[in-house]
Amino acid sequence: MSLLRFYAGNAGEALGLLVQHLLLVGASTAVAVALGVPLGIVLTRRPRLRAPVLGAANVFQTIPSLALFGFLIPLPFLGGIGASTAVVALVVYALLPIIRNTYTGIQAIDPAVREAGLGMGLTGGELLRLVELPLALGVIMAGVRVATVIGVGVATIAAAIGAGGLGVYIFRGVAMVNDTLILAGALPAAVMALGFDWGLGWIERKLTPRGVRA
């Protein structure tokens, strides 16, 4: 049975799994941005925290995805079977590039620019909001881009804990030794990752100041 015939006969289910996958990636990336950007900003103000925070994020990044899902299942409140556990795991994987790029983007700003802002009477909060974040936005978006693409791939493993998504077809195809089922899950996930990479890359380029791009 060809892939196109499979999609034609299972359009409703395929669309539902695609939407589930998008929701998993979208929710986890949004939470990771809400946590990671403030953490990255804090690291620029508290350099002593840089090593332990980035070190912890690096350690979590090295844990195999299936193992991380397994570790989270027995945890109260955060764990269990289903989408909530998958979102927590995806957030953990997304934090490192967002924290690191936020920190790097702000630290890379020319100190003379900060001094000029302070000389104009800007407070620390105003300097961050009006100068540092706008200049670092392209670098921060690069971290979000990496985190999103990682999330698309890792979310396929979430099917193993009942979170749905395109991984359902992949796991079903592996169990049945069915190449069509595997492709039915893997192909749209790959296209989704490429689409996010291109779209967020375009936004990243638009947000990067001309001088930095050059």
C-alpha atoms as a PDB file:
ATOM      1  CA  MET A   1       0.000   0.000   0.000  1.00  0.00           C
ATOM      2  CA  SER A   2       1.496   3.348  -1.063  1.00  0.00           C
ATOM      3  CA  LEU A   3       1.947   6.246   1.318  1.00  0.00           C
ATOM      4  CA  LEU A   4      -0.550   8.406  -0.563  1.00  0.00           C
ATOM      5  CA  ARG A   5      -3.191   5.678  -0.432  1.00  0.00           C
ATOM      6  CA  PHE A   6      -2.543   5.290   3.294  1.00  0.00           C
ATOM      7  CA  TYR A   7      -3.076   9.014   3.887  1.00  0.00           C
ATOM      8  CA  ALA A   8      -6.208   8.976   1.735  1.00  0.00           C
ATOM      9  CA  GLY A   9      -7.679   6.151   3.791  1.00  0.00           C
ATOM     10  CA  ASN A  10      -6.594   7.530   7.174  1.00  0.00           C
ATOM     11  CA  ALA A  11      -6.807  11.276   6.622  1.00  0.00           C
ATOM     12  CA  GLY A  12      -8.740  12.000   9.831  1.00  0.00           C
ATOM     13  CA  GLU A  13      -6.362  10.079  12.081  1.00  0.00           C
ATOM     14  CA  ALA A  14      -3.260  11.458  10.337  1.00  0.00           C
ATOM     15  CA  LEU A  15      -4.494  15.026  10.691  1.00  0.00           C
ATOM     16  CA  GLY A  16      -5.319  14.449  14.368  1.00  0.00           C
ATOM     17  CA  LEU A  17      -1.833  13.103  15.081  1.00  0.00           C
ATOM     18  CA  LEU A  18      -0.276  16.012  13.188  1.00  0.00           C
ATOM     19  CA  VAL A  19      -2.243  18.500  15.305  1.00  0.00           C
ATOM     20  CA  GLN A  20      -1.227  16.671  18.496  1.00  0.00           C
ATOM     21  CA  HIS A  21       2.411  16.870  17.412  1.00  0.00           C
ATOM     22  CA  LEU A  22       2.151  20.580  16.706  1.00  0.00           C
ATOM     23  CA  LEU A  23       0.501  21.200  20.081  1.00  0.00           C
ATOM     24  CA  LEU A  24       3.223  19.280  21.929  1.00  0.00           C
ATOM     25  CA  VAL A  25       5.988  21.237  20.207  1.00  0.00           C
ATOM     26  CA  GLY A  26       4.186  24.590  20.453  1.00  0.00           C
ATOM     27  CA  ALA A  27       3.310  24.256  24.150  1.00  0.00           C
ATOM     28  CA  SER A  28       6.750  23.031  25.192  1.00  0.00           C
ATOM     29  CA  THR A  29       8.590  25.692  23.179  1.00  0.00           C
ATOM     30  CA  ALA A  30       6.397  28.459  24.611  1.00  0.00           C
ATOM     31  CA  VAL A  31       7.066  27.276  28.177  1.00  0.00           C
ATOM     32  CA  ALA A  32      10.790  26.913  27.459  1.00  0.00           C
ATOM     33  CA  VAL A  33      10.945  30.479  26.117  1.00  0.00           C
ATOM     34  CA  ALA A  34       9.050  31.778  29.158  1.00  0.00           C
ATOM     35  CA  LEU A  35      11.572  30.060  31.450  1.00  0.00           C
ATOM     36  CA  GLY A  36      14.759  30.181  29.392  1.00  0.00           C
ATOM     37  CA  VAL A  37      14.865  33.839  28.363  1.00  0.00           C
ATOM     38  CA  PRO A  38      14.512  35.184  31.934  1.00  0.00           C
ATOM     39  CA  LEU A  39      17.094  32.640  33.110  1.00  0.00           C
ATOM     40  CA  GLY A  40      19.507  33.756  30.409  1.00  0.00           C
ATOM     41  CA  ILE A  41      18.993  37.377  31.457  1.00  0.00           C
ATOM     42  CA  VAL A  42      19.641  36.477  35.104  1.00  0.00           C
ATOM     43  CA  LEU A  43      22.932  34.825  34.102  1.00  0.00           C
ATOM     44  CA  THR A  44      24.128  38.094  32.553  1.00  0.00           C
ATOM     45  CA  ARG A  45      23.462  39.830  35.883  1.00  0.00           C
ATOM     46  CA  ARG A  46      24.716  37.005  38.110  1.00  0.00           C
ATOM     47  CA  PRO A  47      27.826  35.515  36.421  1.00  0.00           C
ATOM     48  CA  ARG A  48      28.392  33.096  39.299  1.00  0.00           C
ATOM     49  CA  LEU A  49      25.192  31.261  38.349  1.00  0.00           C
ATOM     50  CA  ARG A  50      26.337  30.693  34.777  1.00  0.00           C
ATOM     51  CA  ALA A  51      28.351  27.504  35.348  1.00  0.00           C
ATOM     52  CA  PRO A  52      25.804  25.643  37.521  1.00  0.00           C
ATOM     53  CA  VAL A  53      22.751  26.633  35.451  1.00  0.00           C
ATOM     54  CA  LEU A  54      24.281  25.879  32.052  1.00  0.00           C
ATOM     55  CA  GLY A  55      25.926  22.775  33.482  1.00  0.00           C
ATOM     56  CA  ALA A  56      22.586  21.437  34.696  1.00  0.00           C
ATOM     57  CA  ALA A  57      20.953  22.216  31.334  1.00  0.00           C
ATOM     58  CA  ASN A  58      23.816  20.420  29.567  1.00  0.00           C
ATOM     59  CA  VAL A  59      23.384  17.353  31.762  1.00  0.00           C
ATOM     60  CA  PHE A  60      19.660  17.158  31.010  1.00  0.00           C
ATOM     61  CA  GLN A  61      20.438  17.488  27.299  1.00  0.00           C
ATOM     62  CA  THR A  62      22.621  14.369  27.420  1.00  0.00           C
ATOM     63  CA  ILE A  63      19.904  12.122  28.899  1.00  0.00           C
ATOM     64  CA  PRO A  64      18.397   9.873  26.188  1.00  0.00           C
ATOM     65  CA  SER A  65      14.845  10.997  25.445  1.00  0.00           C
ATOM     66  CA  LEU A  66      13.193   7.644  26.152  1.00  0.00           C
ATOM     67  CA  ALA A  67      15.049   7.401  29.478  1.00  0.00           C
ATOM     68  CA  LEU A  68      13.941  10.920  30.434  1.00  0.00           C
ATOM     69  CA  PHE A  69      10.315  10.050  29.723  1.00  0.00           C
ATOM     70  CA  GLY A  70      10.754   6.977  31.922  1.00  0.00           C
ATOM     71  CA  PHE A  71      12.271   9.018  34.765  1.00  0.00           C
ATOM     72  CA  LEU A  72       9.393  11.519  34.663  1.00  0.00           C
ATOM     73  CA  ILE A  73       6.502   9.020  34.684  1.00  0.00           C
ATOM     74  CA  PRO A  74       6.657   8.171  38.426  1.00  0.00           C
ATOM     75  CA  LEU A  75       7.108  11.790  39.559  1.00  0.00           C
ATOM     76  CA  PRO A  76       4.102  13.334  41.345  1.00  0.00           C
ATOM     77  CA  PHE A  77       2.394  16.291  39.622  1.00  0.00           C
ATOM     78  CA  LEU A  78       4.889  16.363  36.733  1.00  0.00           C
ATOM     79  CA  GLY A  79       4.797  12.709  35.725  1.00  0.00           C
ATOM     80  CA  GLY A  80       2.284  10.146  34.576  1.00  0.00           C
ATOM     81  CA  ILE A  81       1.190   8.841  31.214  1.00  0.00           C
ATOM     82  CA  GLY A  82       0.147  11.363  28.599  1.00  0.00           C
ATOM     83  CA  ALA A  83       0.857  14.732  27.048  1.00  0.00           C
ATOM     84  CA  SER A  84       1.743  16.629  30.244  1.00  0.00           C
ATOM     85  CA  THR A  85       4.792  14.444  30.901  1.00  0.00           C
ATOM     86  CA  ALA A  86       5.845  14.787  27.272  1.00  0.00           C
ATOM     87  CA  VAL A  87       5.631  18.581  27.480  1.00  0.00           C
ATOM     88  CA  VAL A  88       7.814  18.610  30.615  1.00  0.00           C
ATOM     89  CA  ALA A  89      10.447  16.463  28.870  1.00  0.00           C
ATOM     90  CA  LEU A  90      10.379  18.638  25.755  1.00  0.00           C
ATOM     91  CA  VAL A  91      10.794  21.767  27.872  1.00  0.00           C
ATOM     92  CA  VAL A  92      13.868  20.239  29.513  1.00  0.00           C
ATOM     93  CA  TYR A  93      15.435  19.605  26.088  1.00  0.00           C
ATOM     94  CA  ALA A  94      14.536  23.075  24.804  1.00  0.00           C
ATOM     95  CA  LEU A  95      15.987  25.039  27.730  1.00  0.00           C
ATOM     96  CA  LEU A  96      19.697  24.760  26.921  1.00  0.00           C
ATOM     97  CA  PRO A  97      19.764  26.498  23.504  1.00  0.00           C
ATOM     98  CA  ILE A  98      17.374  29.213  24.682  1.00  0.00           C
ATOM     99  CA  ILE A  99      19.249  29.976  27.924  1.00  0.00           C
ATOM    100  CA  ARG A 100      22.648  29.853  26.232  1.00  0.00           C
ATOM    101  CA  ASN A 101      21.654  32.026  23.278  1.00  0.00           C
ATOM    102  CA  THR A 102      19.944  34.591  25.496  1.00  0.00           C
ATOM    103  CA  TYR A 103      23.066  34.845  27.645  1.00  0.00           C
ATOM    104  CA  THR A 104      25.395  34.926  24.625  1.00  0.00           C
ATOM    105  CA  GLY A 105      23.315  37.493  22.740  1.00  0.00           C
ATOM    106  CA  ILE A 106      23.249  39.957  25.615  1.00  0.00           C
ATOM    107  CA  GLN A 107      26.889  39.414  26.601  1.00  0.00           C
ATOM    108  CA  ALA A 108      28.032  40.012  23.016  1.00  0.00           C
ATOM    109  CA  ILE A 109      26.671  43.582  22.994  1.00  0.00           C
ATOM    110  CA  ASP A 110      29.421  46.207  22.832  1.00  0.00           C
ATOM    111  CA  PRO A 111      30.005  47.613  26.366  1.00  0.00           C
ATOM    112  CA  ALA A 112      30.152  51.103  24.815  1.00  0.00           C
ATOM    113  CA  VAL A 113      26.489  50.716  23.838  1.00  0.00           C
ATOM    114  CA  ARG A 114      25.562  49.951  27.450  1.00  0.00           C
ATOM    115  CA  GLU A 115      27.607  52.877  28.704  1.00  0.00           C
ATOM    116  CA  ALA A 116      25.888  55.176  26.222  1.00  0.00           C
ATOM    117  CA  GLY A 117      22.487  54.000  27.438  1.00  0.00           C
ATOM    118  CA  LEU A 118      23.410  54.514  31.070  1.00  0.00           C
ATOM    119  CA  GLY A 119      24.851  57.903  30.191  1.00  0.00           C
ATOM    120  CA  MET A 120      21.473  58.865  28.745  1.00  0.00           C
ATOM    121  CA  GLY A 121      19.903  58.105  32.134  1.00  0.00           C
ATOM    122  CA  LEU A 122      18.385  54.705  31.378  1.00  0.00           C
ATOM    123  CA  THR A 123      17.760  52.447  34.363  1.00  0.00           C
ATOM    124  CA  GLY A 124      18.876  48.825  34.334  1.00  0.00           C
ATOM    125  CA  GLY A 125      15.394  47.659  33.349  1.00  0.00           C
ATOM    126  CA  GLU A 126      15.091  50.261  30.596  1.00  0.00           C
ATOM    127  CA  LEU A 127      18.546  49.374  29.276  1.00  0.00           C
ATOM    128  CA  LEU A 128      17.496  45.726  29.069  1.00  0.00           C
ATOM    129  CA  ARG A 129      14.147  46.456  27.434  1.00  0.00           C
ATOM    130  CA  LEU A 130      15.182  49.211  25.033  1.00  0.00           C
ATOM    131  CA  VAL A 131      18.768  48.293  24.145  1.00  0.00           C
ATOM    132  CA  GLU A 132      19.968  44.818  25.124  1.00  0.00           C
ATOM    133  CA  LEU A 133      16.964  42.679  24.192  1.00  0.00           C
ATOM    134  CA  PRO A 134      16.371  44.328  20.793  1.00  0.00           C
ATOM    135  CA  LEU A 135      20.054  43.897  19.882  1.00  0.00           C
ATOM    136  CA  ALA A 136      20.149  40.289  21.144  1.00  0.00           C
ATOM    137  CA  LEU A 137      16.799  39.271  19.663  1.00  0.00           C
ATOM    138  CA  GLY A 138      18.288  37.644  16.560  1.00  0.00           C
ATOM    139  CA  VAL A 139      20.598  35.454  18.650  1.00  0.00           C
ATOM    140  CA  ILE A 140      17.766  34.569  21.037  1.00  0.00           C
ATOM    141  CA  MET A 141      15.569  33.604  18.077  1.00  0.00           C
ATOM    142  CA  ALA A 142      18.368  31.327  16.841  1.00  0.00           C
ATOM    143  CA  GLY A 143      18.129  29.479  20.168  1.00  0.00           C
ATOM    144  CA  VAL A 144      14.346  29.221  19.850  1.00  0.00           C
ATOM    145  CA  ARG A 145      14.819  27.878  16.322  1.00  0.00           C
ATOM    146  CA  VAL A 146      17.191  25.148  17.495  1.00  0.00           C
ATOM    147  CA  ALA A 147      14.915  24.279  20.433  1.00  0.00           C
ATOM    148  CA  THR A 148      11.868  23.991  18.173  1.00  0.00           C
ATOM    149  CA  VAL A 149      13.571  21.698  15.672  1.00  0.00           C
ATOM    150  CA  ILE A 150      14.844  19.506  18.525  1.00  0.00           C
ATOM    151  CA  GLY A 151      11.316  19.435  19.934  1.00  0.00           C
ATOM    152  CA  VAL A 152       9.831  18.187  16.655  1.00  0.00           C
ATOM    153  CA  GLY A 153      12.208  15.227  16.667  1.00  0.00           C
ATOM    154  CA  VAL A 154      11.957  14.359  20.355  1.00  0.00           C
ATOM    155  CA  ALA A 155       8.150  14.657  20.294  1.00  0.00           C
ATOM    156  CA  THR A 156       7.995  11.546  18.117  1.00  0.00           C
ATOM    157  CA  ILE A 157       9.267   9.558  21.121  1.00  0.00           C
ATOM    158  CA  ALA A 158       6.378  10.928  23.213  1.00  0.00           C
ATOM    159  CA  ALA A 159       4.063   8.366  21.621  1.00  0.00           C
ATOM    160  CA  ALA A 160       5.778   5.750  23.801  1.00  0.00           C
ATOM    161  CA  ILE A 161       4.087   7.250  26.890  1.00  0.00           C
ATOM    162  CA  GLY A 162       0.686   7.810  25.313  1.00  0.00           C
ATOM    163  CA  ALA A 163       1.159  11.470  24.374  1.00  0.00           C
ATOM    164  CA  GLY A 164       0.092  10.969  20.765  1.00  0.00           C
ATOM    165  CA  GLY A 165       1.698  12.771  17.864  1.00  0.00           C
ATOM    166  CA  LEU A 166       3.268  11.431  14.696  1.00  0.00           C
ATOM    167  CA  GLY A 167       5.370   8.983  16.692  1.00  0.00           C
ATOM    168  CA  VAL A 168       2.235   6.818  16.981  1.00  0.00           C
ATOM    169  CA  TYR A 169       2.649   5.810  13.334  1.00  0.00           C
ATOM    170  CA  ILE A 170       6.396   5.297  13.738  1.00  0.00           C
ATOM    171  CA  PHE A 171       6.051   2.999  16.757  1.00  0.00           C
ATOM    172  CA  ARG A 172       3.134   1.173  15.140  1.00  0.00           C
ATOM    173  CA  GLY A 173       5.152   0.708  11.951  1.00  0.00           C
ATOM    174  CA  VAL A 174       8.179  -0.613  13.845  1.00  0.00           C
ATOM    175  CA  ALA A 175       5.991  -3.091  15.740  1.00  0.00           C
ATOM    176  CA  MET A 176       4.353  -4.296  12.506  1.00  0.00           C
ATOM    177  CA  VAL A 177       7.555  -4.033  10.394  1.00  0.00           C
ATOM    178  CA  ASN A 178       5.596  -1.767   8.047  1.00  0.00           C
ATOM    179  CA  ASP A 179       7.635   0.788   6.111  1.00  0.00           C
ATOM    180  CA  THR A 180       4.553   2.709   5.006  1.00  0.00           C
ATOM    181  CA  LEU A 181       3.462   3.331   8.595  1.00  0.00           C
ATOM    182  CA  ILE A 182       6.964   4.416   9.589  1.00  0.00           C
ATOM    183  CA  LEU A 183       7.115   6.859   6.673  1.00  0.00           C
ATOM    184  CA  ALA A 184       3.602   8.104   7.489  1.00  0.00           C
ATOM    185  CA  GLY A 185       4.956   9.384  10.803  1.00  0.00           C
ATOM    186  CA  ALA A 186       8.553  10.207   9.913  1.00  0.00           C
ATOM    187  CA  LEU A 187       7.957  12.121   6.678  1.00  0.00           C
ATOM    188  CA  PRO A 188       5.565  14.787   8.025  1.00  0.00           C
ATOM    189  CA  ALA A 189       7.757  15.166  11.140  1.00  0.00           C
ATOM    190  CA  ALA A 190      10.769  15.837   8.907  1.00  0.00           C
ATOM    191  CA  VAL A 191       8.802  18.303   6.773  1.00  0.00           C
ATOM    192  CA  MET A 192       7.565  20.015   9.945  1.00  0.00           C
ATOM    193  CA  ALA A 193      11.128  20.332  11.284  1.00  0.00           C
ATOM    194  CA  LEU A 194      12.345  21.789   7.981  1.00  0.00           C
ATOM    195  CA  GLY A 195       9.392  24.187   7.893  1.00  0.00           C
ATOM    196  CA  PHE A 196      10.058  25.454  11.406  1.00  0.00           C
ATOM    197  CA  ASP A 197      13.766  25.735  10.661  1.00  0.00           C
ATOM    198  CA  TRP A 198      13.138  27.813   7.533  1.00  0.00           C
ATOM    199  CA  GLY A 199      10.372  29.956   9.053  1.00  0.00           C
ATOM    200  CA  LEU A 200      12.164  30.739  12.306  1.00  0.00           C
ATOM    201  CA  GLY A 201      15.413  31.243  10.382  1.00  0.00           C
ATOM    202  CA  TRP A 202      13.675  33.887   8.276  1.00  0.00           C
ATOM    203  CA  ILE A 203      12.394  35.612  11.438  1.00  0.00           C
ATOM    204  CA  GLU A 204      15.883  35.378  12.950  1.00  0.00           C
ATOM    205  CA  ARG A 205      17.406  37.142   9.951  1.00  0.00           C
ATOM    206  CA  LYS A 206      14.768  39.876  10.089  1.00  0.00           C
ATOM    207  CA  LEU A 207      15.412  40.475  13.794  1.00  0.00           C
ATOM    208  CA  THR A 208      19.196  40.583  13.453  1.00  0.00           C
ATOM    209  CA  PRO A 209      20.472  44.182  13.064  1.00  0.00           C
ATOM    210  CA  ARG A 210      22.102  44.930   9.695  1.00  0.00           C
ATOM    211  CA  GLY A 211      25.534  45.534  11.171  1.00  0.00           C
ATOM    212  CA  VAL A 212      25.480  42.209  13.019  1.00  0.00           C
ATOM    213  CA  ARG A 213      24.346  40.366   9.880  1.00  0.00           C
ATOM    214  CA  ALA A 214      27.142  41.894   7.872  1.00  0.00           C
END
